């Protein structure tokens, strides 16, 4: 563990084993990573909030030291949402603050919609609300173009392309998304170790393969995306206080994903970081932590 206060533990919940790192005591604040990361995305936040909360960062199913189901169906949202609820219950908390980025954010949006009684506050970093993202994928050519990488990630060749030359493809992806995050050799080594866990790269890619949200290439794809927008508005509405932090230099998820968001979030605060990218929590951790703390207090 990079910090002596961090405790690495496992929870057998929802039919799988989740690995998580915990520090501190008190109310629960749970940090949820995206692709292609692992619990280590949140080291700065664990240190910053572990003095006031029980701060927990998990490896999502399919990643690093958590279980990696082989079936793509095991990565549908209903299972991912239940992982978070069950982990909070395992930790002895009936209510918690949820902080999430990228794919973790996609799960967290849905968790707050389904379980508003257990999510006290929601904090999202560069992850679009599913209905807004569906709209952008259908109607915004710029977002369709920016999301073309998803088609590679869904393909059978994704593992080979991303892992060759010691995961150069994944490392380059960080730069392609407009990053000013400098991955030092030490950080690269940690990430490569996580990606090299048996089945971990496939587990992360299965999130893309299980999702209906990707640039449409056929009428069936369009129908899948429209099915989200056709859901009752009540099912798509977030009723818990929500902070959205958005690095505007994100080349994968464009700022069009902020337009109309208030239609789906009853209590919304948006903080734009003009010089931040998709990886803004790495680039400007102190600023992100300050925004989170201001929102919570």
C-alpha atoms as a PDB file:
ATOM      1  CA  UNK A   1       0.000   0.000   0.000  1.00  0.00           C
ATOM      2  CA  UNK A   2       1.328   3.473  -0.876  1.00  0.00           C
ATOM      3  CA  UNK A   3       0.014   4.851   2.418  1.00  0.00           C
ATOM      4  CA  UNK A   4       0.446   2.937   5.666  1.00  0.00           C
ATOM      5  CA  UNK A   5      -3.141   3.811   6.658  1.00  0.00           C
ATOM      6  CA  UNK A   6      -4.605   2.093   3.592  1.00  0.00           C
ATOM      7  CA  UNK A   7      -6.117  -1.323   4.290  1.00  0.00           C
ATOM      8  CA  UNK A   8      -6.490  -3.771   1.396  1.00  0.00           C
ATOM      9  CA  UNK A   9      -9.505  -6.025   1.927  1.00  0.00           C
ATOM     10  CA  UNK A  10     -12.028  -8.250   0.143  1.00  0.00           C
ATOM     11  CA  UNK A  11     -15.805  -8.536   0.308  1.00  0.00           C
ATOM     12  CA  UNK A  12     -17.808 -11.503  -0.978  1.00  0.00           C
ATOM     13  CA  UNK A  13     -20.967  -9.773  -2.213  1.00  0.00           C
ATOM     14  CA  UNK A  14     -23.474 -10.123  -5.044  1.00  0.00           C
ATOM     15  CA  UNK A  15     -22.009 -13.492  -6.079  1.00  0.00           C
ATOM     16  CA  UNK A  16     -18.458 -12.190  -6.637  1.00  0.00           C
ATOM     17  CA  UNK A  17     -15.421 -11.070  -4.653  1.00  0.00           C
ATOM     18  CA  UNK A  18     -14.640  -7.351  -4.676  1.00  0.00           C
ATOM     19  CA  UNK A  19     -11.264  -5.991  -3.666  1.00  0.00           C
ATOM     20  CA  UNK A  20     -11.247  -2.587  -2.002  1.00  0.00           C
ATOM     21  CA  UNK A  21      -8.940  -0.258  -0.103  1.00  0.00           C
ATOM     22  CA  UNK A  22     -10.200   1.539   2.986  1.00  0.00           C
ATOM     23  CA  UNK A  23      -8.874   4.259   5.254  1.00  0.00           C
ATOM     24  CA  UNK A  24     -10.372   6.291   8.085  1.00  0.00           C
ATOM     25  CA  UNK A  25     -13.587   6.009  10.074  1.00  0.00           C
ATOM     26  CA  UNK A  26     -17.010   7.607  10.061  1.00  0.00           C
ATOM     27  CA  UNK A  27     -19.573   8.049   7.315  1.00  0.00           C
ATOM     28  CA  UNK A  28     -18.803   6.219   4.077  1.00  0.00           C
ATOM     29  CA  UNK A  29     -17.490   7.958   0.982  1.00  0.00           C
ATOM     30  CA  UNK A  30     -17.039   5.479  -1.867  1.00  0.00           C
ATOM     31  CA  UNK A  31     -14.812   6.161  -4.887  1.00  0.00           C
ATOM     32  CA  UNK A  32     -15.530   4.311  -8.140  1.00  0.00           C
ATOM     33  CA  UNK A  33     -12.988   4.210 -10.983  1.00  0.00           C
ATOM     34  CA  UNK A  34     -13.463   3.945 -14.724  1.00  0.00           C
ATOM     35  CA  UNK A  35     -11.597   2.418 -17.670  1.00  0.00           C
ATOM     36  CA  UNK A  36      -8.738   1.564 -17.757  1.00  0.00           C
ATOM     37  CA  UNK A  37      -8.047   2.277 -14.098  1.00  0.00           C
ATOM     38  CA  UNK A  38      -8.390   0.527 -10.733  1.00  0.00           C
ATOM     39  CA  UNK A  39      -8.708   1.596  -7.099  1.00  0.00           C
ATOM     40  CA  UNK A  40      -5.352   3.424  -7.391  1.00  0.00           C
ATOM     41  CA  UNK A  41      -7.054   6.200  -9.381  1.00  0.00           C
ATOM     42  CA  UNK A  42      -8.185   7.580  -6.034  1.00  0.00           C
ATOM     43  CA  UNK A  43      -5.005   7.584  -3.913  1.00  0.00           C
ATOM     44  CA  UNK A  44      -5.068  11.374  -3.547  1.00  0.00           C
ATOM     45  CA  UNK A  45      -8.724  11.348  -2.557  1.00  0.00           C
ATOM     46  CA  UNK A  46      -8.280   8.536  -0.033  1.00  0.00           C
ATOM     47  CA  UNK A  47      -5.580  10.570   1.700  1.00  0.00           C
ATOM     48  CA  UNK A  48      -7.620  13.793   1.518  1.00  0.00           C
ATOM     49  CA  UNK A  49     -10.891  12.370   2.869  1.00  0.00           C
ATOM     50  CA  UNK A  50      -9.690   9.539   5.110  1.00  0.00           C
ATOM     51  CA  UNK A  51      -9.404  11.898   8.071  1.00  0.00           C
ATOM     52  CA  UNK A  52     -13.119  12.723   8.002  1.00  0.00           C
ATOM     53  CA  UNK A  53     -14.784   9.638   6.504  1.00  0.00           C
ATOM     54  CA  UNK A  54     -14.367   5.973   5.966  1.00  0.00           C
ATOM     55  CA  UNK A  55     -12.933   6.475   2.489  1.00  0.00           C
ATOM     56  CA  UNK A  56     -13.170   3.388   0.285  1.00  0.00           C
ATOM     57  CA  UNK A  57     -11.991   2.819  -3.286  1.00  0.00           C
ATOM     58  CA  UNK A  58     -12.858  -0.492  -4.903  1.00  0.00           C
ATOM     59  CA  UNK A  59     -11.670  -2.452  -7.881  1.00  0.00           C
ATOM     60  CA  UNK A  60     -14.833  -2.779  -9.967  1.00  0.00           C
ATOM     61  CA  UNK A  61     -15.745  -6.285 -11.088  1.00  0.00           C
ATOM     62  CA  UNK A  62     -13.490  -7.310 -13.973  1.00  0.00           C
ATOM     63  CA  UNK A  63     -10.579  -5.176 -12.763  1.00  0.00           C
ATOM     64  CA  UNK A  64      -7.290  -5.759 -10.959  1.00  0.00           C
ATOM     65  CA  UNK A  65      -7.867  -7.910  -7.843  1.00  0.00           C
ATOM     66  CA  UNK A  66     -11.663  -8.267  -8.012  1.00  0.00           C
ATOM     67  CA  UNK A  67     -13.533 -11.182  -9.605  1.00  0.00           C
ATOM     68  CA  UNK A  68     -13.608 -11.217 -13.386  1.00  0.00           C
ATOM     69  CA  UNK A  69     -16.726 -12.968 -14.698  1.00  0.00           C
ATOM     70  CA  UNK A  70     -16.203 -14.325 -18.205  1.00  0.00           C
ATOM     71  CA  UNK A  71     -19.750 -13.761 -19.455  1.00  0.00           C
ATOM     72  CA  UNK A  72     -20.292 -10.322 -21.017  1.00  0.00           C
ATOM     73  CA  UNK A  73     -23.829 -10.382 -19.611  1.00  0.00           C
ATOM     74  CA  UNK A  74     -22.320 -10.150 -16.103  1.00  0.00           C
ATOM     75  CA  UNK A  75     -21.297  -6.556 -16.856  1.00  0.00           C
ATOM     76  CA  UNK A  76     -24.768  -5.141 -17.392  1.00  0.00           C
ATOM     77  CA  UNK A  77     -25.654  -2.125 -15.281  1.00  0.00           C
ATOM     78  CA  UNK A  78     -28.028  -3.975 -12.948  1.00  0.00           C
ATOM     79  CA  UNK A  79     -25.165  -6.121 -11.632  1.00  0.00           C
ATOM     80  CA  UNK A  80     -22.694  -3.238 -11.375  1.00  0.00           C
ATOM     81  CA  UNK A  81     -25.184  -1.123  -9.421  1.00  0.00           C
ATOM     82  CA  UNK A  82     -25.842  -3.976  -7.021  1.00  0.00           C
ATOM     83  CA  UNK A  83     -22.083  -4.387  -6.442  1.00  0.00           C
ATOM     84  CA  UNK A  84     -21.927  -0.870  -4.995  1.00  0.00           C
ATOM     85  CA  UNK A  85     -25.038  -1.258  -2.855  1.00  0.00           C
ATOM     86  CA  UNK A  86     -23.901  -4.631  -1.530  1.00  0.00           C
ATOM     87  CA  UNK A  87     -20.397  -3.365  -0.740  1.00  0.00           C
ATOM     88  CA  UNK A  88     -21.798  -0.439   1.251  1.00  0.00           C
ATOM     89  CA  UNK A  89     -24.020  -2.872   3.164  1.00  0.00           C
ATOM     90  CA  UNK A  90     -21.038  -5.156   3.778  1.00  0.00           C
ATOM     91  CA  UNK A  91     -19.178  -2.167   5.232  1.00  0.00           C
ATOM     92  CA  UNK A  92     -22.072  -1.491   7.595  1.00  0.00           C
ATOM     93  CA  UNK A  93     -23.452   1.667   5.973  1.00  0.00           C
ATOM     94  CA  UNK A  94     -27.043   2.290   4.960  1.00  0.00           C
ATOM     95  CA  UNK A  95     -26.231   5.621   3.294  1.00  0.00           C
ATOM     96  CA  UNK A  96     -23.084   6.950   1.636  1.00  0.00           C
ATOM     97  CA  UNK A  97     -21.498   9.582  -0.584  1.00  0.00           C
ATOM     98  CA  UNK A  98     -20.720   8.267  -4.060  1.00  0.00           C
ATOM     99  CA  UNK A  99     -17.823   9.717  -6.090  1.00  0.00           C
ATOM    100  CA  UNK A 100     -17.178   8.308  -9.539  1.00  0.00           C
ATOM    101  CA  UNK A 101     -15.368   8.867 -12.836  1.00  0.00           C
ATOM    102  CA  UNK A 102     -15.782   7.585 -16.396  1.00  0.00           C
ATOM    103  CA  UNK A 103     -17.368   4.087 -16.375  1.00  0.00           C
ATOM    104  CA  UNK A 104     -17.633   4.323 -12.606  1.00  0.00           C
ATOM    105  CA  UNK A 105     -19.691   7.438 -13.194  1.00  0.00           C
ATOM    106  CA  UNK A 106     -21.997   5.602 -15.588  1.00  0.00           C
ATOM    107  CA  UNK A 107     -22.703   3.073 -12.842  1.00  0.00           C
ATOM    108  CA  UNK A 108     -23.026   5.781 -10.184  1.00  0.00           C
ATOM    109  CA  UNK A 109     -25.608   7.758 -12.187  1.00  0.00           C
ATOM    110  CA  UNK A 110     -27.719   4.606 -12.410  1.00  0.00           C
ATOM    111  CA  UNK A 111     -27.160   3.720  -8.746  1.00  0.00           C
ATOM    112  CA  UNK A 112     -28.425   7.147  -7.663  1.00  0.00           C
ATOM    113  CA  UNK A 113     -31.491   6.763  -9.887  1.00  0.00           C
ATOM    114  CA  UNK A 114     -32.314   3.316  -8.541  1.00  0.00           C
ATOM    115  CA  UNK A 115     -31.340   3.784  -4.886  1.00  0.00           C
ATOM    116  CA  UNK A 116     -31.845   7.455  -3.940  1.00  0.00           C
ATOM    117  CA  UNK A 117     -32.500   6.378  -0.371  1.00  0.00           C
ATOM    118  CA  UNK A 118     -28.916   5.140   0.107  1.00  0.00           C
ATOM    119  CA  UNK A 119     -26.907   7.678  -1.929  1.00  0.00           C
ATOM    120  CA  UNK A 120     -26.726  10.831   0.202  1.00  0.00           C
ATOM    121  CA  UNK A 121     -24.762  12.851  -2.353  1.00  0.00           C
ATOM    122  CA  UNK A 122     -23.480  12.094  -5.838  1.00  0.00           C
ATOM    123  CA  UNK A 123     -20.238  13.466  -7.283  1.00  0.00           C
ATOM    124  CA  UNK A 124     -19.440  12.707 -10.915  1.00  0.00           C
ATOM    125  CA  UNK A 125     -16.208  13.491 -12.765  1.00  0.00           C
ATOM    126  CA  UNK A 126     -16.314  13.489 -16.580  1.00  0.00           C
ATOM    127  CA  UNK A 127     -19.027  10.926 -17.026  1.00  0.00           C
ATOM    128  CA  UNK A 128     -22.263  11.718 -18.875  1.00  0.00           C
ATOM    129  CA  UNK A 129     -25.778  11.020 -17.697  1.00  0.00           C
ATOM    130  CA  UNK A 130     -26.971   8.032 -19.785  1.00  0.00           C
ATOM    131  CA  UNK A 131     -29.955   9.824 -21.317  1.00  0.00           C
ATOM    132  CA  UNK A 132     -27.897  12.866 -22.295  1.00  0.00           C
ATOM    133  CA  UNK A 133     -25.151  10.656 -23.721  1.00  0.00           C
ATOM    134  CA  UNK A 134     -27.747   8.688 -25.689  1.00  0.00           C
ATOM    135  CA  UNK A 135     -29.039  11.932 -27.165  1.00  0.00           C
ATOM    136  CA  UNK A 136     -25.522  13.044 -28.102  1.00  0.00           C
ATOM    137  CA  UNK A 137     -24.688   9.694 -29.719  1.00  0.00           C
ATOM    138  CA  UNK A 138     -27.831   9.923 -31.831  1.00  0.00           C
ATOM    139  CA  UNK A 139     -27.688  13.586 -32.794  1.00  0.00           C
ATOM    140  CA  UNK A 140     -24.215  15.062 -32.359  1.00  0.00           C
ATOM    141  CA  UNK A 141     -21.746  14.137 -35.154  1.00  0.00           C
ATOM    142  CA  UNK A 142     -18.834  15.471 -33.092  1.00  0.00           C
ATOM    143  CA  UNK A 143     -19.664  13.149 -30.190  1.00  0.00           C
ATOM    144  CA  UNK A 144     -20.174  10.254 -32.593  1.00  0.00           C
ATOM    145  CA  UNK A 145     -16.687  10.862 -33.977  1.00  0.00           C
ATOM    146  CA  UNK A 146     -15.148  11.317 -30.532  1.00  0.00           C
ATOM    147  CA  UNK A 147     -16.641   7.966 -29.461  1.00  0.00           C
ATOM    148  CA  UNK A 148     -15.298   5.892 -32.361  1.00  0.00           C
ATOM    149  CA  UNK A 149     -12.741   4.310 -30.022  1.00  0.00           C
ATOM    150  CA  UNK A 150     -15.660   2.457 -28.409  1.00  0.00           C
ATOM    151  CA  UNK A 151     -16.086   0.379 -31.549  1.00  0.00           C
ATOM    152  CA  UNK A 152     -12.491  -0.818 -31.222  1.00  0.00           C
ATOM    153  CA  UNK A 153     -13.004  -1.564 -27.534  1.00  0.00           C
ATOM    154  CA  UNK A 154     -16.065  -3.685 -28.359  1.00  0.00           C
ATOM    155  CA  UNK A 155     -14.219  -5.656 -31.037  1.00  0.00           C
ATOM    156  CA  UNK A 156     -12.523  -9.048 -30.730  1.00  0.00           C
ATOM    157  CA  UNK A 157      -9.122  -7.512 -31.482  1.00  0.00           C
ATOM    158  CA  UNK A 158      -9.250  -4.980 -28.648  1.00  0.00           C
ATOM    159  CA  UNK A 159      -7.183  -6.997 -26.177  1.00  0.00           C
ATOM    160  CA  UNK A 160      -4.395  -7.536 -28.689  1.00  0.00           C
ATOM    161  CA  UNK A 161      -4.277  -3.929 -29.889  1.00  0.00           C
ATOM    162  CA  UNK A 162      -4.296  -2.422 -26.402  1.00  0.00           C
ATOM    163  CA  UNK A 163      -1.852  -4.842 -24.767  1.00  0.00           C
ATOM    164  CA  UNK A 164       0.853  -5.103 -27.429  1.00  0.00           C
ATOM    165  CA  UNK A 165       4.233  -3.474 -26.748  1.00  0.00           C
ATOM    166  CA  UNK A 166       3.669  -3.692 -22.999  1.00  0.00           C
ATOM    167  CA  UNK A 167       0.280  -1.933 -23.073  1.00  0.00           C
ATOM    168  CA  UNK A 168       1.477   0.992 -25.172  1.00  0.00           C
ATOM    169  CA  UNK A 169      -2.025   1.321 -26.627  1.00  0.00           C
ATOM    170  CA  UNK A 170      -3.611   1.903 -23.241  1.00  0.00           C
ATOM    171  CA  UNK A 171      -0.902   4.329 -22.183  1.00  0.00           C
ATOM    172  CA  UNK A 172      -1.307   6.270 -25.440  1.00  0.00           C
ATOM    173  CA  UNK A 173      -5.050   6.444 -24.855  1.00  0.00           C
ATOM    174  CA  UNK A 174      -4.430   8.684 -21.862  1.00  0.00           C
ATOM    175  CA  UNK A 175      -2.707  11.195 -24.127  1.00  0.00           C
ATOM    176  CA  UNK A 176      -5.300  10.894 -26.890  1.00  0.00           C
ATOM    177  CA  UNK A 177      -8.029  12.032 -24.517  1.00  0.00           C
ATOM    178  CA  UNK A 178      -6.340  15.403 -24.122  1.00  0.00           C
ATOM    179  CA  UNK A 179      -4.439  14.605 -20.976  1.00  0.00           C
ATOM    180  CA  UNK A 180      -1.912  16.730 -19.152  1.00  0.00           C
ATOM    181  CA  UNK A 181      -1.530  13.871 -16.681  1.00  0.00           C
ATOM    182  CA  UNK A 182       2.103  12.816 -16.623  1.00  0.00           C
ATOM    183  CA  UNK A 183       2.213   9.062 -16.061  1.00  0.00           C
ATOM    184  CA  UNK A 184       5.586   8.618 -14.402  1.00  0.00           C
ATOM    185  CA  UNK A 185       7.426   5.293 -14.857  1.00  0.00           C
ATOM    186  CA  UNK A 186       6.352   4.376 -11.313  1.00  0.00           C
ATOM    187  CA  UNK A 187       2.681   5.065 -12.073  1.00  0.00           C
ATOM    188  CA  UNK A 188       2.898   3.229 -15.399  1.00  0.00           C
ATOM    189  CA  UNK A 189       4.316   0.222 -13.569  1.00  0.00           C
ATOM    190  CA  UNK A 190       1.354   0.181 -11.145  1.00  0.00           C
ATOM    191  CA  UNK A 191      -1.147   0.378 -13.986  1.00  0.00           C
ATOM    192  CA  UNK A 192       0.562  -2.267 -16.085  1.00  0.00           C
ATOM    193  CA  UNK A 193       0.555  -4.575 -13.071  1.00  0.00           C
ATOM    194  CA  UNK A 194      -3.205  -4.047 -12.678  1.00  0.00           C
ATOM    195  CA  UNK A 195      -3.868  -4.558 -16.401  1.00  0.00           C
ATOM    196  CA  UNK A 196      -1.735  -7.711 -16.399  1.00  0.00           C
ATOM    197  CA  UNK A 197      -3.899  -9.527 -13.852  1.00  0.00           C
ATOM    198  CA  UNK A 198      -5.384 -12.568 -15.575  1.00  0.00           C
ATOM    199  CA  UNK A 199      -8.587 -11.534 -17.334  1.00  0.00           C
ATOM    200  CA  UNK A 200      -8.400  -7.894 -16.239  1.00  0.00           C
ATOM    201  CA  UNK A 201      -8.155  -6.271 -19.663  1.00  0.00           C
ATOM    202  CA  UNK A 202     -11.071  -8.329 -20.973  1.00  0.00           C
ATOM    203  CA  UNK A 203     -13.063  -7.527 -17.836  1.00  0.00           C
ATOM    204  CA  UNK A 204     -12.687  -3.805 -18.405  1.00  0.00           C
ATOM    205  CA  UNK A 205     -13.520  -4.060 -22.093  1.00  0.00           C
ATOM    206  CA  UNK A 206     -16.642  -6.065 -21.313  1.00  0.00           C
ATOM    207  CA  UNK A 207     -18.217  -2.903 -19.899  1.00  0.00           C
ATOM    208  CA  UNK A 208     -18.197  -1.530 -23.456  1.00  0.00           C
ATOM    209  CA  UNK A 209     -19.391  -4.828 -24.933  1.00  0.00           C
ATOM    210  CA  UNK A 210     -22.346  -5.042 -22.551  1.00  0.00           C
ATOM    211  CA  UNK A 211     -23.487  -1.446 -22.991  1.00  0.00           C
ATOM    212  CA  UNK A 212     -26.055  -0.247 -25.558  1.00  0.00           C
ATOM    213  CA  UNK A 213     -24.329   3.157 -25.669  1.00  0.00           C
ATOM    214  CA  UNK A 214     -21.796   3.411 -28.482  1.00  0.00           C
ATOM    215  CA  UNK A 215     -21.695   5.143 -31.886  1.00  0.00           C
ATOM    216  CA  UNK A 216     -24.483   3.554 -33.930  1.00  0.00           C
ATOM    217  CA  UNK A 217     -23.507   1.688 -37.092  1.00  0.00           C
ATOM    218  CA  UNK A 218     -26.859   0.026 -37.856  1.00  0.00           C
ATOM    219  CA  UNK A 219     -30.609   0.505 -37.319  1.00  0.00           C
ATOM    220  CA  UNK A 220     -30.419  -2.003 -34.450  1.00  0.00           C
ATOM    221  CA  UNK A 221     -27.797   0.166 -32.733  1.00  0.00           C
ATOM    222  CA  UNK A 222     -30.033   3.210 -33.113  1.00  0.00           C
ATOM    223  CA  UNK A 223     -32.959   1.290 -31.645  1.00  0.00           C
ATOM    224  CA  UNK A 224     -30.900   0.274 -28.597  1.00  0.00           C
ATOM    225  CA  UNK A 225     -29.949   3.878 -27.920  1.00  0.00           C
ATOM    226  CA  UNK A 226     -33.489   5.142 -28.436  1.00  0.00           C
ATOM    227  CA  UNK A 227     -34.746   2.556 -25.952  1.00  0.00           C
ATOM    228  CA  UNK A 228     -32.938   4.481 -23.211  1.00  0.00           C
ATOM    229  CA  UNK A 229     -34.517   7.779 -24.203  1.00  0.00           C
ATOM    230  CA  UNK A 230     -37.919   6.067 -24.319  1.00  0.00           C
ATOM    231  CA  UNK A 231     -37.728   5.105 -20.648  1.00  0.00           C
ATOM    232  CA  UNK A 232     -40.112   6.980 -18.321  1.00  0.00           C
ATOM    233  CA  UNK A 233     -38.599  10.292 -17.223  1.00  0.00           C
ATOM    234  CA  UNK A 234     -39.014   9.209 -13.601  1.00  0.00           C
ATOM    235  CA  UNK A 235     -36.595   6.319 -14.140  1.00  0.00           C
ATOM    236  CA  UNK A 236     -33.959   8.663 -15.565  1.00  0.00           C
ATOM    237  CA  UNK A 237     -34.219  11.370 -12.897  1.00  0.00           C
ATOM    238  CA  UNK A 238     -31.583  11.807 -10.189  1.00  0.00           C
ATOM    239  CA  UNK A 239     -33.170  13.095  -6.987  1.00  0.00           C
ATOM    240  CA  UNK A 240     -30.086  13.336  -4.761  1.00  0.00           C
ATOM    241  CA  UNK A 241     -27.845  16.438  -4.583  1.00  0.00           C
ATOM    242  CA  UNK A 242     -25.329  16.089  -7.408  1.00  0.00           C
ATOM    243  CA  UNK A 243     -22.000  17.737  -8.209  1.00  0.00           C
ATOM    244  CA  UNK A 244     -20.628  17.341 -11.720  1.00  0.00           C
ATOM    245  CA  UNK A 245     -16.941  18.194 -12.217  1.00  0.00           C
ATOM    246  CA  UNK A 246     -16.029  18.435 -15.892  1.00  0.00           C
ATOM    247  CA  UNK A 247     -12.620  18.860 -17.490  1.00  0.00           C
ATOM    248  CA  UNK A 248     -13.495  20.702 -20.691  1.00  0.00           C
ATOM    249  CA  UNK A 249     -10.461  19.440 -22.640  1.00  0.00           C
ATOM    250  CA  UNK A 250     -11.875  15.900 -22.623  1.00  0.00           C
ATOM    251  CA  UNK A 251     -11.606  14.648 -26.223  1.00  0.00           C
ATOM    252  CA  UNK A 252     -13.713  11.540 -25.656  1.00  0.00           C
ATOM    253  CA  UNK A 253     -16.684  13.060 -23.836  1.00  0.00           C
ATOM    254  CA  UNK A 254     -17.523  16.496 -25.209  1.00  0.00           C
ATOM    255  CA  UNK A 255     -19.142  19.388 -23.383  1.00  0.00           C
ATOM    256  CA  UNK A 256     -22.409  18.781 -25.244  1.00  0.00           C
ATOM    257  CA  UNK A 257     -23.001  16.216 -22.512  1.00  0.00           C
ATOM    258  CA  UNK A 258     -23.641  19.098 -20.094  1.00  0.00           C
ATOM    259  CA  UNK A 259     -26.456  20.599 -22.140  1.00  0.00           C
ATOM    260  CA  UNK A 260     -29.922  19.783 -20.860  1.00  0.00           C
ATOM    261  CA  UNK A 261     -28.554  17.848 -17.892  1.00  0.00           C
ATOM    262  CA  UNK A 262     -30.680  19.813 -15.440  1.00  0.00           C
ATOM    263  CA  UNK A 263     -33.758  18.167 -16.975  1.00  0.00           C
ATOM    264  CA  UNK A 264     -32.629  14.893 -15.394  1.00  0.00           C
ATOM    265  CA  UNK A 265     -31.039  16.091 -12.124  1.00  0.00           C
ATOM    266  CA  UNK A 266     -33.222  17.872  -9.586  1.00  0.00           C
ATOM    267  CA  UNK A 267     -30.396  19.406  -7.498  1.00  0.00           C
ATOM    268  CA  UNK A 268     -27.401  19.982  -9.778  1.00  0.00           C
ATOM    269  CA  UNK A 269     -24.126  21.847  -9.368  1.00  0.00           C
ATOM    270  CA  UNK A 270     -21.709  21.946 -12.316  1.00  0.00           C
ATOM    271  CA  UNK A 271     -18.076  22.951 -11.962  1.00  0.00           C
ATOM    272  CA  UNK A 272     -16.215  23.283 -15.253  1.00  0.00           C
ATOM    273  CA  UNK A 273     -12.433  23.092 -15.299  1.00  0.00           C
ATOM    274  CA  UNK A 274     -11.431  24.776 -18.523  1.00  0.00           C
ATOM    275  CA  UNK A 275      -7.861  23.442 -18.583  1.00  0.00           C
ATOM    276  CA  UNK A 276      -8.710  19.954 -17.337  1.00  0.00           C
ATOM    277  CA  UNK A 277      -9.023  16.807 -19.435  1.00  0.00           C
ATOM    278  CA  UNK A 278     -10.807  13.504 -18.965  1.00  0.00           C
ATOM    279  CA  UNK A 279      -8.179  12.740 -16.311  1.00  0.00           C
ATOM    280  CA  UNK A 280      -8.626  15.958 -14.345  1.00  0.00           C
ATOM    281  CA  UNK A 281      -8.578  14.187 -10.973  1.00  0.00           C
ATOM    282  CA  UNK A 282      -4.981  13.160 -11.704  1.00  0.00           C
ATOM    283  CA  UNK A 283      -3.979  16.488 -13.232  1.00  0.00           C
ATOM    284  CA  UNK A 284      -5.447  18.758 -10.552  1.00  0.00           C
ATOM    285  CA  UNK A 285      -6.134  16.621  -7.472  1.00  0.00           C
ATOM    286  CA  UNK A 286      -6.076  19.491  -4.988  1.00  0.00           C
ATOM    287  CA  UNK A 287      -8.603  21.479  -7.002  1.00  0.00           C
ATOM    288  CA  UNK A 288     -10.870  18.478  -7.448  1.00  0.00           C
ATOM    289  CA  UNK A 289     -10.627  17.647  -3.742  1.00  0.00           C
ATOM    290  CA  UNK A 290     -11.503  21.230  -2.818  1.00  0.00           C
ATOM    291  CA  UNK A 291     -14.585  21.160  -5.048  1.00  0.00           C
ATOM    292  CA  UNK A 292     -15.693  17.879  -3.495  1.00  0.00           C
ATOM    293  CA  UNK A 293     -15.150  19.148   0.042  1.00  0.00           C
ATOM    294  CA  UNK A 294     -17.000  22.411  -0.621  1.00  0.00           C
ATOM    295  CA  UNK A 295     -19.944  20.448  -1.990  1.00  0.00           C
ATOM    296  CA  UNK A 296     -20.039  18.071   0.963  1.00  0.00           C
ATOM    297  CA  UNK A 297     -19.856  20.836   3.571  1.00  0.00           C
END
